[in-house]
Amino acid sequence: MSVTGPWRRARQADRSTAVAVGVGDVLLCSVLCLTMIGATPFFEPTTREQETAAWQATVPLFGVWLVGGLMLFGVLGMPRTALSHLLAMLLPPTVLVLLSVVVTA
């Protein structure tokens, strides 16, 4: 087995990995966004302190997941997966903000 073997296999699996990463990221990011605003069925903050704690717990997790995924897929040479990860992580917050603007307008 050569040293470049794992990187070559990762690049070959880029297309199928991009789909799986995209689906997983959309699900994870949706739950994180709903937790940030306190709208998840299993966690509903009742006080301002609980809302602040939910925000402070989810924002760093979101940032680390976004940057960590981009770094990992960049190092592995998987551009489709990196783009899928980026779009899937940025799409749910964008939709959430647009929905809140439309609903409140």
Protein backbone atom coordinates (compact mmCIF):
# COMPACT_ATOMS: atom_id res chain seq x y z
CA MET A 1 0.00 0.00 0.00
CA SER A 2 1.37 3.37 -0.97
CA VAL A 3 1.33 6.53 1.08
CA THR A 4 -1.07 8.23 -1.33
CA GLY A 5 -3.57 5.36 -1.27
CA PRO A 6 -6.03 6.81 1.27
CA TRP A 7 -6.08 10.22 -0.46
CA ARG A 8 -6.67 8.61 -3.85
CA ARG A 9 -9.58 6.57 -2.48
CA ALA A 10 -11.04 9.66 -0.81
CA ARG A 11 -10.92 11.60 -4.07
CA GLN A 12 -12.57 8.72 -5.92
CA ALA A 13 -15.42 8.64 -3.40
CA ASP A 14 -15.95 12.41 -3.58
CA ARG A 15 -19.27 12.35 -5.46
CA SER A 16 -21.09 9.85 -3.24
CA THR A 17 -19.59 11.34 -0.10
CA ALA A 18 -20.83 14.80 -1.08
CA VAL A 19 -24.44 13.61 -1.07
CA ALA A 20 -24.15 11.91 2.32
CA VAL A 21 -22.36 14.88 3.87
CA GLY A 22 -24.93 17.30 2.44
CA VAL A 23 -27.88 15.37 3.87
CA GLY A 24 -26.21 14.98 7.25
CA ASP A 25 -25.23 18.64 7.40
CA VAL A 26 -28.73 19.86 6.54
CA LEU A 27 -30.20 17.72 9.32
CA LEU A 28 -27.58 18.75 11.86
CA CYS A 29 -27.68 22.42 10.95
CA SER A 30 -31.48 22.51 11.06
CA VAL A 31 -31.48 21.12 14.59
CA LEU A 32 -28.75 23.55 15.64
CA CYS A 33 -30.60 26.53 14.19
CA LEU A 34 -33.85 25.52 15.86
CA THR A 35 -32.00 25.05 19.15
CA MET A 36 -30.45 28.51 18.80
CA ILE A 37 -33.88 30.12 18.64
CA GLY A 38 -35.46 27.75 21.16
CA ALA A 39 -37.95 26.13 18.79
CA THR A 40 -37.05 22.45 19.15
CA PRO A 41 -39.68 20.13 20.62
CA PHE A 42 -37.26 18.59 23.10
CA PHE A 43 -35.80 21.87 24.39
CA GLU A 44 -37.86 24.98 24.90
CA PRO A 45 -36.20 27.68 26.98
CA THR A 46 -38.51 29.43 29.42
CA THR A 47 -36.15 32.08 30.77
CA ARG A 48 -33.73 34.54 29.20
CA GLU A 49 -30.80 32.69 30.80
CA GLN A 50 -31.82 29.44 29.15
CA GLU A 51 -32.10 31.18 25.77
CA THR A 52 -28.64 32.67 26.22
CA ALA A 53 -27.20 29.31 27.28
CA ALA A 54 -28.73 27.61 24.22
CA TRP A 55 -27.26 30.28 21.94
CA GLN A 56 -23.83 30.07 23.58
CA ALA A 57 -23.79 26.28 23.30
CA THR A 58 -24.83 26.00 19.65
CA VAL A 59 -22.97 28.87 17.95
CA PRO A 60 -19.46 27.52 18.71
CA LEU A 61 -20.56 24.03 17.73
CA PHE A 62 -21.87 25.35 14.41
CA GLY A 63 -18.64 27.25 13.72
CA VAL A 64 -16.35 24.36 14.63
CA TRP A 65 -18.38 21.93 12.51
CA LEU A 66 -18.31 24.31 9.53
CA VAL A 67 -14.59 25.10 9.68
CA GLY A 68 -13.57 21.56 10.65
CA GLY A 69 -15.47 20.05 7.74
CA LEU A 70 -14.03 22.52 5.25
CA MET A 71 -10.52 21.84 6.50
CA LEU A 72 -10.99 18.06 6.47
CA PHE A 73 -12.43 17.90 2.98
CA GLY A 74 -9.85 20.38 1.71
CA VAL A 75 -6.99 18.27 3.05
CA LEU A 76 -8.50 15.11 1.59
CA GLY A 77 -8.84 16.80 -1.81
CA MET A 78 -12.62 16.46 -2.00
CA PRO A 79 -13.89 19.69 -3.62
CA ARG A 80 -17.45 18.47 -4.28
CA THR A 81 -17.84 17.38 -0.69
CA ALA A 82 -16.38 20.66 0.61
CA LEU A 83 -18.83 22.66 -1.54
CA SER A 84 -21.72 20.44 -0.47
CA HIS A 85 -20.72 20.90 3.17
CA LEU A 86 -20.49 24.68 2.80
CA LEU A 87 -23.85 25.03 1.08
CA ALA A 88 -25.61 22.62 3.43
CA MET A 89 -24.29 24.45 6.48
CA LEU A 90 -25.19 27.93 5.23
CA LEU A 91 -28.57 27.15 3.66
CA PRO A 92 -30.68 26.43 6.80
CA PRO A 93 -29.67 29.63 8.67
CA THR A 94 -30.32 31.67 5.53
CA VAL A 95 -33.76 30.14 5.06
CA LEU A 96 -34.54 30.66 8.74
CA VAL A 97 -33.61 34.36 8.56
CA LEU A 98 -35.59 34.86 5.35
CA LEU A 99 -38.63 33.14 6.83
CA SER A 100 -38.47 35.30 9.95
CA VAL A 101 -38.25 38.44 7.80
CA VAL A 102 -41.20 37.37 5.64
CA VAL A 103 -43.34 36.35 8.61
CA THR A 104 -42.70 39.54 10.57
CA ALA A 105 -43.21 41.84 7.55
